[in-house]
Amino acid sequence: MAEQRRPWIVGMSGASGTPYARAVVGALLDAGAPVDLIVSRAARLTVLDETGRPIRDGHWREDLAGFLGRDLAAGADLRYWPAGDLAAGPSSGSYPARGMVVVPASTAACAGIALGLSKDLLQRAADVNLKEHRPVVVVPRETPVPRSHLVQLLALHDAGATVLPASPAFYAGARDVQQLVDFVAGRVLDALAVPHTLYLRWSGRLGEARLAADTNDPASRPDPE
């Protein structure tokens, strides 16, 4: 009997920060995990604005291949659900999922999930995973944070979600923007207990990551005489 497919559900809402979603989805696929992706209507506009790429329901496979920068025909277990399809699999608690990540998480998405509005499939899937006591990671990016948003984030925490702001650290020796993005994606996978090698972990030795980056950076090495 074949093993039942149990995906991680990834929801992209309309906040700026599409590189975080791309890094999380890519890392989950690299780890061999199946992924179900939900892209809100507002997120489509953000993806188009930040990358110049559309995400269309009828052409999702080719559009996501371009957005993710990978061949989805090469064994990637990725399923796409339209955000307006409230009868989709992830809308039910009986749908076999491991949990969910909302990345990036807009203030509207956080509020909708915290209040249980279920106005689209993204909010409904998050609500379902919370009620089923599965891991739910919410990645807010917007700043500064008003009191109303803090209240909704606290409500999400109290409901069992992990609130993981998109706050990259610099101790891992990052030399470019992608490494900062990968740090946040790595922390998301840590919260899901999914193995990865997206960043160099803190070992207790000051400057270790910086020295490792210098060693691996050809520009930092002395010219041979």
N, C-alpha and C. Protein backbone atom coordinates (compact mmCIF):
# COMPACT_ATOMS: atom_id res chain seq x y z
N MET A 1 0.85 -1.20 0.00
CA MET A 1 0.00 0.00 0.00
C MET A 1 0.88 1.25 0.00
N ALA A 2 0.61 2.17 -0.93
CA ALA A 2 1.43 3.38 -1.06
C ALA A 2 1.26 4.27 0.16
N GLU A 3 2.35 4.94 0.55
CA GLU A 3 2.30 5.85 1.69
C GLU A 3 1.44 7.05 1.34
N GLN A 4 0.61 7.46 2.28
CA GLN A 4 -0.28 8.60 2.06
C GLN A 4 0.52 9.89 1.95
N ARG A 5 0.18 10.69 0.95
CA ARG A 5 0.83 11.98 0.76
C ARG A 5 0.39 12.94 1.86
N ARG A 6 1.37 13.55 2.56
CA ARG A 6 1.08 14.52 3.62
C ARG A 6 1.94 15.76 3.37
N PRO A 7 1.41 16.74 2.68
CA PRO A 7 2.21 17.91 2.31
C PRO A 7 2.30 18.95 3.41
N TRP A 8 3.31 19.81 3.29
CA TRP A 8 3.31 21.08 3.98
C TRP A 8 2.53 22.06 3.11
N ILE A 9 1.62 22.80 3.72
CA ILE A 9 0.87 23.81 2.98
C ILE A 9 1.58 25.15 3.14
N VAL A 10 1.85 25.81 2.05
CA VAL A 10 2.48 27.13 2.08
C VAL A 10 1.50 28.14 1.50
N GLY A 11 1.18 29.15 2.28
CA GLY A 11 0.30 30.21 1.82
C GLY A 11 1.06 31.50 1.65
N MET A 12 0.93 32.11 0.48
CA MET A 12 1.55 33.41 0.21
C MET A 12 0.47 34.48 0.24
N SER A 13 0.60 35.43 1.17
CA SER A 13 -0.35 36.54 1.22
C SER A 13 0.28 37.77 0.57
N GLY A 14 -0.41 38.90 0.65
CA GLY A 14 -0.03 40.04 -0.17
C GLY A 14 1.08 40.94 0.32
N ALA A 15 1.70 40.64 1.47
CA ALA A 15 2.79 41.49 1.95
C ALA A 15 4.01 41.38 1.04
N SER A 16 4.82 42.42 1.02
CA SER A 16 6.10 42.34 0.31
C SER A 16 6.96 41.27 0.97
N GLY A 17 7.76 40.58 0.15
CA GLY A 17 8.61 39.54 0.70
C GLY A 17 8.51 38.22 -0.05
N THR A 18 8.19 38.28 -1.35
CA THR A 18 8.07 37.05 -2.12
C THR A 18 9.35 36.21 -2.15
N PRO A 19 10.56 36.81 -2.04
CA PRO A 19 11.75 35.95 -1.98
C PRO A 19 11.74 34.98 -0.80
N TYR A 20 11.12 35.38 0.32
CA TYR A 20 11.03 34.47 1.46
C TYR A 20 10.19 33.25 1.11
N ALA A 21 9.07 33.47 0.43
CA ALA A 21 8.21 32.35 0.03
C ALA A 21 8.94 31.44 -0.94
N ARG A 22 9.63 32.03 -1.90
CA ARG A 22 10.39 31.23 -2.87
C ARG A 22 11.43 30.37 -2.18
N ALA A 23 12.13 30.94 -1.20
CA ALA A 23 13.18 30.20 -0.50
C ALA A 23 12.59 29.07 0.35
N VAL A 24 11.46 29.32 1.00
CA VAL A 24 10.83 28.29 1.84
C VAL A 24 10.33 27.13 0.98
N VAL A 25 9.61 27.45 -0.09
CA VAL A 25 9.10 26.39 -0.97
C VAL A 25 10.25 25.59 -1.57
N GLY A 26 11.28 26.28 -2.04
CA GLY A 26 12.43 25.58 -2.63
C GLY A 26 13.13 24.68 -1.64
N ALA A 27 13.29 25.16 -0.41
CA ALA A 27 13.98 24.35 0.60
C ALA A 27 13.15 23.13 1.00
N LEU A 28 11.84 23.28 1.09
CA LEU A 28 10.98 22.13 1.39
C LEU A 28 11.06 21.09 0.28
N LEU A 29 11.03 21.54 -0.97
CA LEU A 29 11.14 20.60 -2.10
C LEU A 29 12.51 19.94 -2.11
N ASP A 30 13.57 20.71 -1.80
CA ASP A 30 14.91 20.14 -1.75
C ASP A 30 15.03 19.07 -0.66
N ALA A 31 14.24 19.24 0.41
CA ALA A 31 14.24 18.26 1.50
C ALA A 31 13.40 17.03 1.18
N GLY A 32 12.80 17.01 -0.01
CA GLY A 32 11.97 15.88 -0.42
C GLY A 32 10.57 15.91 0.12
N ALA A 33 10.13 17.07 0.63
CA ALA A 33 8.80 17.18 1.21
C ALA A 33 7.79 17.62 0.15
N PRO A 34 6.62 17.02 0.13
CA PRO A 34 5.57 17.51 -0.77
C PRO A 34 5.05 18.86 -0.27
N VAL A 35 4.65 19.71 -1.21
CA VAL A 35 4.19 21.06 -0.88
C VAL A 35 2.88 21.35 -1.61
N ASP A 36 1.92 21.89 -0.87
CA ASP A 36 0.71 22.46 -1.46
C ASP A 36 0.83 23.97 -1.35
N LEU A 37 0.64 24.68 -2.45
CA LEU A 37 0.84 26.13 -2.46
C LEU A 37 -0.48 26.84 -2.71
N ILE A 38 -0.74 27.86 -1.89
CA ILE A 38 -1.90 28.72 -2.05
C ILE A 38 -1.39 30.16 -2.18
N VAL A 39 -1.77 30.84 -3.24
CA VAL A 39 -1.34 32.22 -3.47
C VAL A 39 -2.57 33.12 -3.47
N SER A 40 -2.63 34.03 -2.52
CA SER A 40 -3.81 34.91 -2.43
C SER A 40 -3.86 35.86 -3.62
N ARG A 41 -5.02 36.48 -3.82
CA ARG A 41 -5.17 37.43 -4.92
C ARG A 41 -4.20 38.59 -4.76
N ALA A 42 -4.06 39.09 -3.52
CA ALA A 42 -3.13 40.20 -3.29
C ALA A 42 -1.69 39.76 -3.52
N ALA A 43 -1.37 38.51 -3.19
CA ALA A 43 0.00 38.01 -3.38
C ALA A 43 0.36 37.96 -4.86
N ARG A 44 -0.60 37.67 -5.71
CA ARG A 44 -0.32 37.65 -7.15
C ARG A 44 0.17 39.02 -7.61
N LEU A 45 -0.46 40.09 -7.10
CA LEU A 45 -0.02 41.43 -7.46
C LEU A 45 1.39 41.70 -6.93
N THR A 46 1.68 41.24 -5.72
CA THR A 46 3.01 41.45 -5.15
C THR A 46 4.07 40.69 -5.93
N VAL A 47 3.77 39.44 -6.31
CA VAL A 47 4.71 38.66 -7.11
C VAL A 47 4.98 39.36 -8.44
N LEU A 48 3.92 39.85 -9.07
CA LEU A 48 4.08 40.54 -10.35
C LEU A 48 4.91 41.80 -10.18
N ASP A 49 4.68 42.53 -9.09
CA ASP A 49 5.41 43.77 -8.85
C ASP A 49 6.88 43.51 -8.53
N GLU A 50 7.16 42.49 -7.70
CA GLU A 50 8.53 42.25 -7.23
C GLU A 50 9.36 41.41 -8.19
N THR A 51 8.70 40.62 -9.04
CA THR A 51 9.47 39.73 -9.92
C THR A 51 9.15 39.92 -11.40
N GLY A 52 8.03 40.59 -11.70
CA GLY A 52 7.62 40.73 -13.09
C GLY A 52 6.96 39.49 -13.65
N ARG A 53 6.68 38.50 -12.78
CA ARG A 53 6.11 37.23 -13.23
C ARG A 53 4.66 37.10 -12.76
N PRO A 54 3.78 36.63 -13.65
CA PRO A 54 2.39 36.38 -13.23
C PRO A 54 2.29 34.98 -12.60
N ILE A 55 1.26 34.79 -11.80
CA ILE A 55 0.88 33.45 -11.35
C ILE A 55 -0.59 33.30 -11.67
N ARG A 56 -0.86 32.46 -12.67
CA ARG A 56 -2.22 32.29 -13.19
C ARG A 56 -2.72 30.89 -12.86
N ASP A 57 -3.99 30.80 -12.46
CA ASP A 57 -4.55 29.50 -12.11
C ASP A 57 -4.42 28.50 -13.26
N GLY A 58 -4.72 28.95 -14.48
CA GLY A 58 -4.71 28.05 -15.62
C GLY A 58 -3.32 27.70 -16.14
N HIS A 59 -2.31 28.43 -15.70
CA HIS A 59 -0.93 28.18 -16.16
C HIS A 59 0.02 28.11 -14.97
N TRP A 60 -0.48 27.59 -13.85
CA TRP A 60 0.29 27.67 -12.62
C TRP A 60 1.62 26.92 -12.68
N ARG A 61 1.64 25.79 -13.40
CA ARG A 61 2.88 25.01 -13.40
C ARG A 61 4.02 25.77 -14.08
N GLU A 62 3.77 26.34 -15.25
CA GLU A 62 4.83 27.07 -15.93
C GLU A 62 5.15 28.38 -15.21
N ASP A 63 4.12 29.04 -14.65
CA ASP A 63 4.36 30.29 -13.93
C ASP A 63 5.18 30.05 -12.66
N LEU A 64 4.86 28.99 -11.91
CA LEU A 64 5.60 28.71 -10.69
C LEU A 64 7.00 28.21 -10.99
N ALA A 65 7.18 27.51 -12.10
CA ALA A 65 8.52 27.09 -12.48
C ALA A 65 9.41 28.31 -12.69
N GLY A 66 8.87 29.35 -13.32
CA GLY A 66 9.63 30.57 -13.51
C GLY A 66 9.86 31.30 -12.21
N PHE A 67 8.84 31.38 -11.36
CA PHE A 67 8.97 32.07 -10.07
C PHE A 67 9.97 31.37 -9.16
N LEU A 68 9.91 30.05 -9.11
CA LEU A 68 10.80 29.29 -8.23
C LEU A 68 12.17 29.04 -8.84
N GLY A 69 12.28 29.21 -10.15
CA GLY A 69 13.56 28.97 -10.82
C GLY A 69 13.96 27.52 -10.82
N ARG A 70 12.99 26.63 -11.04
CA ARG A 70 13.29 25.19 -11.07
C ARG A 70 12.32 24.47 -11.99
N ASP A 71 12.76 23.31 -12.47
CA ASP A 71 11.95 22.47 -13.35
C ASP A 71 11.00 21.64 -12.49
N LEU A 72 9.73 21.96 -12.52
CA LEU A 72 8.77 21.26 -11.69
C LEU A 72 8.43 19.88 -12.23
N ALA A 73 8.89 19.59 -13.45
CA ALA A 73 8.65 18.26 -14.01
C ALA A 73 9.70 17.25 -13.55
N ALA A 74 10.72 17.75 -12.84
CA ALA A 74 11.84 16.88 -12.45
C ALA A 74 11.65 16.34 -11.04
N GLY A 75 10.51 15.74 -10.79
CA GLY A 75 10.29 15.05 -9.52
C GLY A 75 9.84 15.92 -8.36
N ALA A 76 9.58 17.22 -8.58
CA ALA A 76 9.12 18.09 -7.49
C ALA A 76 7.65 17.79 -7.19
N ASP A 77 7.35 17.51 -5.94
CA ASP A 77 5.97 17.21 -5.54
C ASP A 77 5.31 18.50 -5.07
N LEU A 78 4.80 19.26 -6.04
CA LEU A 78 4.17 20.55 -5.76
C LEU A 78 2.77 20.56 -6.33
N ARG A 79 1.79 20.94 -5.48
CA ARG A 79 0.40 21.03 -5.91
C ARG A 79 -0.08 22.46 -5.64
N TYR A 80 -0.82 22.99 -6.58
CA TYR A 80 -1.31 24.37 -6.48
C TYR A 80 -2.82 24.36 -6.29
N TRP A 81 -3.30 25.19 -5.34
CA TRP A 81 -4.73 25.33 -5.12
C TRP A 81 -5.12 26.80 -5.29
N PRO A 82 -6.11 27.11 -6.13
CA PRO A 82 -6.57 28.50 -6.27
C PRO A 82 -7.10 29.03 -4.94
N ALA A 83 -6.78 30.26 -4.63
CA ALA A 83 -7.17 30.86 -3.34
C ALA A 83 -8.67 30.98 -3.19
N GLY A 84 -9.39 31.05 -4.29
CA GLY A 84 -10.84 31.18 -4.23
C GLY A 84 -11.58 29.87 -4.11
N ASP A 85 -10.86 28.75 -4.15
CA ASP A 85 -11.49 27.43 -4.11
C ASP A 85 -11.67 26.98 -2.66
N LEU A 86 -12.79 27.33 -2.06
CA LEU A 86 -13.04 26.98 -0.67
C LEU A 86 -13.47 25.54 -0.50
N ALA A 87 -13.60 24.80 -1.61
CA ALA A 87 -13.88 23.37 -1.54
C ALA A 87 -12.61 22.55 -1.75
N ALA A 88 -11.45 23.20 -1.80
CA ALA A 88 -10.19 22.51 -2.05
C ALA A 88 -9.82 21.62 -0.87
N GLY A 89 -8.90 20.69 -1.11
CA GLY A 89 -8.49 19.77 -0.07
C GLY A 89 -8.10 20.43 1.24
N PRO A 90 -7.20 21.43 1.23
CA PRO A 90 -6.75 22.04 2.49
C PRO A 90 -7.83 22.76 3.28
N SER A 91 -9.05 22.86 2.74
CA SER A 91 -10.13 23.53 3.48
C SER A 91 -10.74 22.62 4.54
N SER A 92 -10.36 21.34 4.54
CA SER A 92 -10.95 20.39 5.48
C SER A 92 -9.91 19.83 6.44
N GLY A 93 -10.31 19.63 7.67
CA GLY A 93 -9.43 19.04 8.66
C GLY A 93 -9.10 17.59 8.37
N SER A 94 -9.89 16.93 7.54
CA SER A 94 -9.61 15.53 7.18
C SER A 94 -8.57 15.41 6.08
N TYR A 95 -8.21 16.55 5.47
CA TYR A 95 -7.16 16.52 4.44
C TYR A 95 -5.82 16.27 5.12
N PRO A 96 -5.07 15.27 4.69
CA PRO A 96 -3.82 14.90 5.38
C PRO A 96 -2.69 15.89 5.10
N ALA A 97 -2.46 16.81 6.02
CA ALA A 97 -1.37 17.78 5.89
C ALA A 97 -0.49 17.72 7.12
N ARG A 98 0.77 18.10 6.96
CA ARG A 98 1.70 18.13 8.09
C ARG A 98 1.58 19.41 8.89
N GLY A 99 1.18 20.48 8.23
CA GLY A 99 1.08 21.79 8.87
C GLY A 99 1.14 22.85 7.79
N MET A 100 1.35 24.10 8.22
CA MET A 100 1.26 25.20 7.25
C MET A 100 2.22 26.33 7.61
N VAL A 101 2.68 26.99 6.56
CA VAL A 101 3.47 28.22 6.69
C VAL A 101 2.75 29.32 5.92
N VAL A 102 2.60 30.48 6.52
CA VAL A 102 2.09 31.65 5.80
C VAL A 102 3.26 32.61 5.66
N VAL A 103 3.77 32.75 4.42
CA VAL A 103 4.99 33.52 4.18
C VAL A 103 4.93 34.17 2.80
N PRO A 104 5.05 35.49 2.71
CA PRO A 104 4.97 36.43 3.82
C PRO A 104 3.54 36.55 4.31
N ALA A 105 3.40 36.97 5.57
CA ALA A 105 2.07 37.11 6.16
C ALA A 105 1.73 38.59 6.31
N SER A 106 0.75 39.04 5.56
CA SER A 106 0.33 40.44 5.64
C SER A 106 -0.47 40.68 6.92
N THR A 107 -0.65 41.94 7.26
CA THR A 107 -1.48 42.26 8.43
C THR A 107 -2.90 41.76 8.23
N ALA A 108 -3.41 41.86 7.00
CA ALA A 108 -4.77 41.39 6.72
C ALA A 108 -4.88 39.88 6.90
N ALA A 109 -3.87 39.14 6.41
CA ALA A 109 -3.89 37.69 6.56
C ALA A 109 -3.79 37.30 8.03
N CYS A 110 -2.91 37.96 8.77
CA CYS A 110 -2.77 37.65 10.20
C CYS A 110 -4.08 37.90 10.94
N ALA A 111 -4.73 39.04 10.65
CA ALA A 111 -5.99 39.35 11.30
C ALA A 111 -7.07 38.35 10.92
N GLY A 112 -7.14 38.01 9.64
CA GLY A 112 -8.16 37.07 9.18
C GLY A 112 -8.01 35.70 9.81
N ILE A 113 -6.76 35.25 9.94
CA ILE A 113 -6.52 33.94 10.55
C ILE A 113 -6.82 34.00 12.05
N ALA A 114 -6.36 35.07 12.70
CA ALA A 114 -6.58 35.19 14.15
C ALA A 114 -8.06 35.24 14.49
N LEU A 115 -8.87 35.88 13.63
CA LEU A 115 -10.30 36.02 13.89
C LEU A 115 -11.11 34.87 13.33
N GLY A 116 -10.46 33.96 12.58
CA GLY A 116 -11.18 32.83 12.00
C GLY A 116 -12.13 33.23 10.89
N LEU A 117 -11.77 34.26 10.10
CA LEU A 117 -12.68 34.76 9.07
C LEU A 117 -12.84 33.79 7.90
N SER A 118 -11.77 33.07 7.54
CA SER A 118 -11.80 32.12 6.43
C SER A 118 -12.36 32.75 5.15
N LYS A 119 -11.91 33.96 4.84
CA LYS A 119 -12.46 34.66 3.67
C LYS A 119 -11.93 34.11 2.36
N ASP A 120 -10.80 33.36 2.41
CA ASP A 120 -10.29 32.68 1.23
C ASP A 120 -9.63 31.38 1.68
N LEU A 121 -9.11 30.61 0.73
CA LEU A 121 -8.55 29.30 1.07
C LEU A 121 -7.34 29.41 1.97
N LEU A 122 -6.53 30.46 1.79
CA LEU A 122 -5.35 30.63 2.64
C LEU A 122 -5.77 30.74 4.11
N GLN A 123 -6.71 31.63 4.40
CA GLN A 123 -7.15 31.81 5.78
C GLN A 123 -7.85 30.56 6.30
N ARG A 124 -8.65 29.93 5.48
CA ARG A 124 -9.36 28.73 5.90
C ARG A 124 -8.37 27.60 6.22
N ALA A 125 -7.36 27.41 5.35
CA ALA A 125 -6.38 26.34 5.58
C ALA A 125 -5.60 26.58 6.86
N ALA A 126 -5.23 27.83 7.12
CA ALA A 126 -4.52 28.14 8.36
C ALA A 126 -5.40 27.85 9.58
N ASP A 127 -6.66 28.24 9.50
CA ASP A 127 -7.60 27.99 10.59
C ASP A 127 -7.76 26.49 10.83
N VAL A 128 -7.85 25.73 9.75
CA VAL A 128 -7.98 24.27 9.86
C VAL A 128 -6.77 23.66 10.54
N ASN A 129 -5.59 24.08 10.15
CA ASN A 129 -4.38 23.50 10.73
C ASN A 129 -4.22 23.89 12.20
N LEU A 130 -4.68 25.07 12.56
CA LEU A 130 -4.66 25.45 13.97
C LEU A 130 -5.62 24.58 14.78
N LYS A 131 -6.82 24.39 14.26
CA LYS A 131 -7.80 23.60 15.02
C LYS A 131 -7.40 22.13 15.11
N GLU A 132 -6.61 21.66 14.14
CA GLU A 132 -6.15 20.28 14.16
C GLU A 132 -4.84 20.14 14.95
N HIS A 133 -4.38 21.24 15.53
CA HIS A 133 -3.16 21.26 16.35
C HIS A 133 -1.93 20.80 15.58
N ARG A 134 -1.86 21.22 14.32
CA ARG A 134 -0.67 20.98 13.50
C ARG A 134 0.23 22.21 13.57
N PRO A 135 1.51 22.05 13.22
CA PRO A 135 2.39 23.22 13.22
C PRO A 135 1.91 24.29 12.23
N VAL A 136 1.82 25.51 12.69
CA VAL A 136 1.49 26.64 11.83
C VAL A 136 2.51 27.74 12.11
N VAL A 137 3.23 28.16 11.07
CA VAL A 137 4.23 29.21 11.20
C VAL A 137 3.78 30.41 10.39
N VAL A 138 3.71 31.55 11.05
CA VAL A 138 3.27 32.79 10.41
C VAL A 138 4.46 33.74 10.35
N VAL A 139 4.77 34.25 9.15
CA VAL A 139 5.98 35.06 8.94
C VAL A 139 5.59 36.49 8.56
N PRO A 140 5.28 37.34 9.56
CA PRO A 140 4.97 38.74 9.24
C PRO A 140 6.24 39.48 8.82
N ARG A 141 6.08 40.42 7.88
CA ARG A 141 7.23 41.18 7.41
C ARG A 141 7.06 42.67 7.59
N GLU A 142 5.82 43.13 7.64
CA GLU A 142 5.56 44.58 7.65
C GLU A 142 6.08 45.24 8.92
N THR A 143 6.55 46.47 8.78
CA THR A 143 7.09 47.22 9.90
C THR A 143 6.90 48.71 9.63
N PRO A 144 6.69 49.55 10.65
CA PRO A 144 6.54 49.22 12.07
C PRO A 144 5.22 48.49 12.34
N VAL A 145 5.08 48.02 13.57
CA VAL A 145 3.93 47.19 13.92
C VAL A 145 3.00 47.96 14.85
N PRO A 146 1.79 48.28 14.40
CA PRO A 146 0.85 49.01 15.27
C PRO A 146 0.26 48.06 16.32
N ARG A 147 -0.37 48.64 17.30
CA ARG A 147 -0.94 47.85 18.39
C ARG A 147 -1.94 46.82 17.87
N SER A 148 -2.76 47.21 16.89
CA SER A 148 -3.78 46.28 16.38
C SER A 148 -3.15 45.01 15.82
N HIS A 149 -2.01 45.17 15.14
CA HIS A 149 -1.32 44.00 14.58
C HIS A 149 -0.69 43.17 15.69
N LEU A 150 -0.14 43.85 16.70
CA LEU A 150 0.44 43.12 17.83
C LEU A 150 -0.62 42.27 18.53
N VAL A 151 -1.82 42.80 18.65
CA VAL A 151 -2.91 42.05 19.28
C VAL A 151 -3.24 40.80 18.47
N GLN A 152 -3.27 40.93 17.14
CA GLN A 152 -3.58 39.77 16.29
C GLN A 152 -2.45 38.74 16.34
N LEU A 153 -1.21 39.21 16.38
CA LEU A 153 -0.08 38.27 16.48
C LEU A 153 -0.11 37.53 17.82
N LEU A 154 -0.48 38.23 18.88
CA LEU A 154 -0.60 37.57 20.19
C LEU A 154 -1.72 36.53 20.15
N ALA A 155 -2.82 36.86 19.47
CA ALA A 155 -3.92 35.90 19.34
C ALA A 155 -3.46 34.66 18.58
N LEU A 156 -2.66 34.85 17.55
CA LEU A 156 -2.13 33.71 16.80
C LEU A 156 -1.23 32.85 17.68
N HIS A 157 -0.37 33.51 18.45
CA HIS A 157 0.49 32.77 19.38
C HIS A 157 -0.34 31.97 20.38
N ASP A 158 -1.37 32.59 20.93
CA ASP A 158 -2.21 31.91 21.90
C ASP A 158 -2.99 30.75 21.28
N ALA A 159 -3.24 30.85 19.97
CA ALA A 159 -3.96 29.77 19.27
C ALA A 159 -3.03 28.61 18.91
N GLY A 160 -1.73 28.78 19.13
CA GLY A 160 -0.80 27.69 18.87
C GLY A 160 0.14 27.91 17.71
N ALA A 161 0.04 29.05 17.03
CA ALA A 161 0.92 29.32 15.89
C ALA A 161 2.29 29.79 16.38
N THR A 162 3.29 29.58 15.56
CA THR A 162 4.61 30.16 15.78
C THR A 162 4.70 31.45 14.98
N VAL A 163 4.87 32.57 15.67
CA VAL A 163 5.01 33.86 15.00
C VAL A 163 6.49 34.09 14.76
N LEU A 164 6.90 34.09 13.51
CA LEU A 164 8.32 34.13 13.14
C LEU A 164 8.55 35.31 12.19
N PRO A 165 8.80 36.51 12.71
CA PRO A 165 9.00 37.67 11.83
C PRO A 165 10.17 37.46 10.88
N ALA A 166 10.06 38.07 9.72
CA ALA A 166 11.12 37.98 8.72
C ALA A 166 12.27 38.90 9.14
N SER A 167 13.02 38.45 10.14
CA SER A 167 14.11 39.24 10.72
C SER A 167 15.43 38.50 10.54
N PRO A 168 16.15 38.75 9.46
CA PRO A 168 17.41 38.02 9.24
C PRO A 168 18.48 38.42 10.24
N ALA A 169 19.34 37.47 10.58
CA ALA A 169 20.47 37.74 11.47
C ALA A 169 21.74 37.86 10.64
N PHE A 170 22.78 38.45 11.23
CA PHE A 170 24.02 38.70 10.51
C PHE A 170 25.19 37.88 11.03
N TYR A 171 24.95 37.10 12.11
CA TYR A 171 26.05 36.30 12.66
C TYR A 171 26.41 35.11 11.78
N ALA A 172 25.55 34.76 10.81
CA ALA A 172 25.81 33.60 9.97
C ALA A 172 26.73 33.91 8.80
N GLY A 173 27.29 35.12 8.77
CA GLY A 173 28.28 35.45 7.74
C GLY A 173 27.71 35.80 6.39
N ALA A 174 26.48 36.31 6.35
CA ALA A 174 25.85 36.63 5.07
C ALA A 174 26.64 37.69 4.32
N ARG A 175 26.79 37.47 3.02
CA ARG A 175 27.49 38.42 2.15
C ARG A 175 26.58 39.03 1.09
N ASP A 176 25.36 38.50 0.97
CA ASP A 176 24.44 39.06 -0.02
C ASP A 176 23.01 38.90 0.47
N VAL A 177 22.09 39.49 -0.27
CA VAL A 177 20.68 39.50 0.14
C VAL A 177 20.11 38.09 0.19
N GLN A 178 20.48 37.24 -0.77
CA GLN A 178 19.93 35.90 -0.80
C GLN A 178 20.28 35.12 0.46
N GLN A 179 21.47 35.33 1.00
CA GLN A 179 21.85 34.64 2.23
C GLN A 179 21.01 35.12 3.42
N LEU A 180 20.64 36.40 3.42
CA LEU A 180 19.75 36.91 4.47
C LEU A 180 18.36 36.30 4.32
N VAL A 181 17.90 36.19 3.08
CA VAL A 181 16.61 35.54 2.83
C VAL A 181 16.65 34.09 3.28
N ASP A 182 17.75 33.40 2.94
CA ASP A 182 17.88 31.99 3.29
C ASP A 182 17.91 31.79 4.80
N PHE A 183 18.44 32.76 5.54
CA PHE A 183 18.46 32.64 7.00
C PHE A 183 17.03 32.57 7.53
N VAL A 184 16.16 33.47 7.04
CA VAL A 184 14.77 33.46 7.50
C VAL A 184 14.09 32.16 7.07
N ALA A 185 14.32 31.74 5.83
CA ALA A 185 13.73 30.48 5.37
C ALA A 185 14.22 29.31 6.22
N GLY A 186 15.48 29.34 6.60
CA GLY A 186 16.03 28.28 7.43
C GLY A 186 15.38 28.24 8.81
N ARG A 187 15.11 29.41 9.36
CA ARG A 187 14.44 29.45 10.67
C ARG A 187 13.01 28.92 10.57
N VAL A 188 12.36 29.16 9.42
CA VAL A 188 11.04 28.58 9.19
C VAL A 188 11.12 27.06 9.18
N LEU A 189 12.09 26.51 8.45
CA LEU A 189 12.24 25.06 8.41
C LEU A 189 12.62 24.49 9.77
N ASP A 190 13.39 25.25 10.55
CA ASP A 190 13.69 24.82 11.92
C ASP A 190 12.40 24.66 12.72
N ALA A 191 11.49 25.62 12.56
CA ALA A 191 10.23 25.57 13.30
C ALA A 191 9.37 24.39 12.87
N LEU A 192 9.58 23.92 11.64
CA LEU A 192 8.85 22.76 11.14
C LEU A 192 9.59 21.45 11.39
N ALA A 193 10.81 21.55 11.95
CA ALA A 193 11.66 20.37 12.18
C ALA A 193 12.01 19.67 10.88
N VAL A 194 12.25 20.48 9.82
CA VAL A 194 12.68 19.95 8.52
C VAL A 194 14.17 20.25 8.36
N PRO A 195 15.01 19.22 8.14
CA PRO A 195 16.45 19.45 8.01
C PRO A 195 16.78 20.32 6.79
N HIS A 196 17.84 21.12 6.93
CA HIS A 196 18.27 21.98 5.83
C HIS A 196 19.71 22.42 6.10
N THR A 197 20.28 23.05 5.08
CA THR A 197 21.63 23.62 5.21
C THR A 197 21.63 25.05 4.68
N LEU A 198 20.59 25.80 5.00
CA LEU A 198 20.42 27.14 4.44
C LEU A 198 21.32 28.18 5.08
N TYR A 199 21.78 27.95 6.31
CA TYR A 199 22.66 28.93 6.94
C TYR A 199 23.60 28.22 7.90
N LEU A 200 24.68 28.90 8.26
CA LEU A 200 25.65 28.36 9.20
C LEU A 200 25.17 28.64 10.61
N ARG A 201 25.02 27.60 11.42
CA ARG A 201 24.46 27.74 12.75
C ARG A 201 25.50 28.29 13.73
N TRP A 202 25.01 28.97 14.75
CA TRP A 202 25.85 29.51 15.79
C TRP A 202 26.49 28.37 16.57
N SER A 203 27.80 28.45 16.77
CA SER A 203 28.53 27.38 17.46
C SER A 203 29.11 27.84 18.79
N GLY A 204 29.00 29.13 19.08
CA GLY A 204 29.59 29.66 20.30
C GLY A 204 30.97 30.25 20.09
N ARG A 205 31.47 30.23 18.86
CA ARG A 205 32.79 30.78 18.57
C ARG A 205 32.62 32.09 17.80
N LEU A 206 33.07 33.17 18.40
CA LEU A 206 32.92 34.48 17.78
C LEU A 206 33.66 34.55 16.45
N GLY A 207 32.98 35.11 15.44
CA GLY A 207 33.61 35.33 14.15
C GLY A 207 33.75 34.11 13.27
N GLU A 208 33.25 32.95 13.71
CA GLU A 208 33.44 31.73 12.92
C GLU A 208 32.80 31.84 11.55
N ALA A 209 31.55 32.33 11.50
CA ALA A 209 30.85 32.42 10.23
C ALA A 209 31.53 33.43 9.31
N ARG A 210 32.01 34.55 9.88
CA ARG A 210 32.69 35.55 9.05
C ARG A 210 33.97 34.99 8.47
N LEU A 211 34.74 34.26 9.28
CA LEU A 211 35.98 33.67 8.79
C LEU A 211 35.70 32.61 7.74
N ALA A 212 34.63 31.83 7.93
CA ALA A 212 34.27 30.81 6.95
C ALA A 212 33.88 31.46 5.63
N ALA A 213 33.15 32.60 5.72
CA ALA A 213 32.77 33.31 4.50
C ALA A 213 33.99 33.87 3.79
N ASP A 214 34.95 34.39 4.56
CA ASP A 214 36.18 34.90 3.96
C ASP A 214 36.96 33.79 3.26
N THR A 215 37.00 32.63 3.88
CA THR A 215 37.73 31.50 3.31
C THR A 215 37.11 31.04 1.99
N ASN A 216 35.78 31.10 1.93
CA ASN A 216 35.08 30.63 0.73
C ASN A 216 34.89 31.71 -0.32
N ASP A 217 35.30 32.93 -0.01
CA ASP A 217 35.14 34.04 -0.95
C ASP A 217 36.47 34.28 -1.68
N PRO A 218 36.54 33.95 -2.98
CA PRO A 218 37.80 34.13 -3.71
C PRO A 218 38.33 35.56 -3.65
N ALA A 219 37.40 36.55 -3.56
CA ALA A 219 37.83 37.94 -3.56
C ALA A 219 38.59 38.31 -2.30
N SER A 220 38.38 37.52 -1.23
CA SER A 220 39.03 37.85 0.04
C SER A 220 40.40 37.16 0.20
N ARG A 221 40.74 36.29 -0.73
CA ARG A 221 42.01 35.58 -0.62
C ARG A 221 43.14 36.39 -1.25
N PRO A 222 44.33 36.29 -0.69
CA PRO A 222 45.46 37.03 -1.26
C PRO A 222 45.81 36.50 -2.65
N ASP A 223 46.27 37.39 -3.51
CA ASP A 223 46.68 36.97 -4.85
C ASP A 223 47.95 36.11 -4.74
N PRO A 224 48.02 35.03 -5.52
CA PRO A 224 49.25 34.21 -5.51
C PRO A 224 50.41 34.98 -6.11
N GLU A 225 51.58 34.80 -5.53
CA GLU A 225 52.76 35.52 -6.04
C GLU A 225 53.45 34.71 -7.13
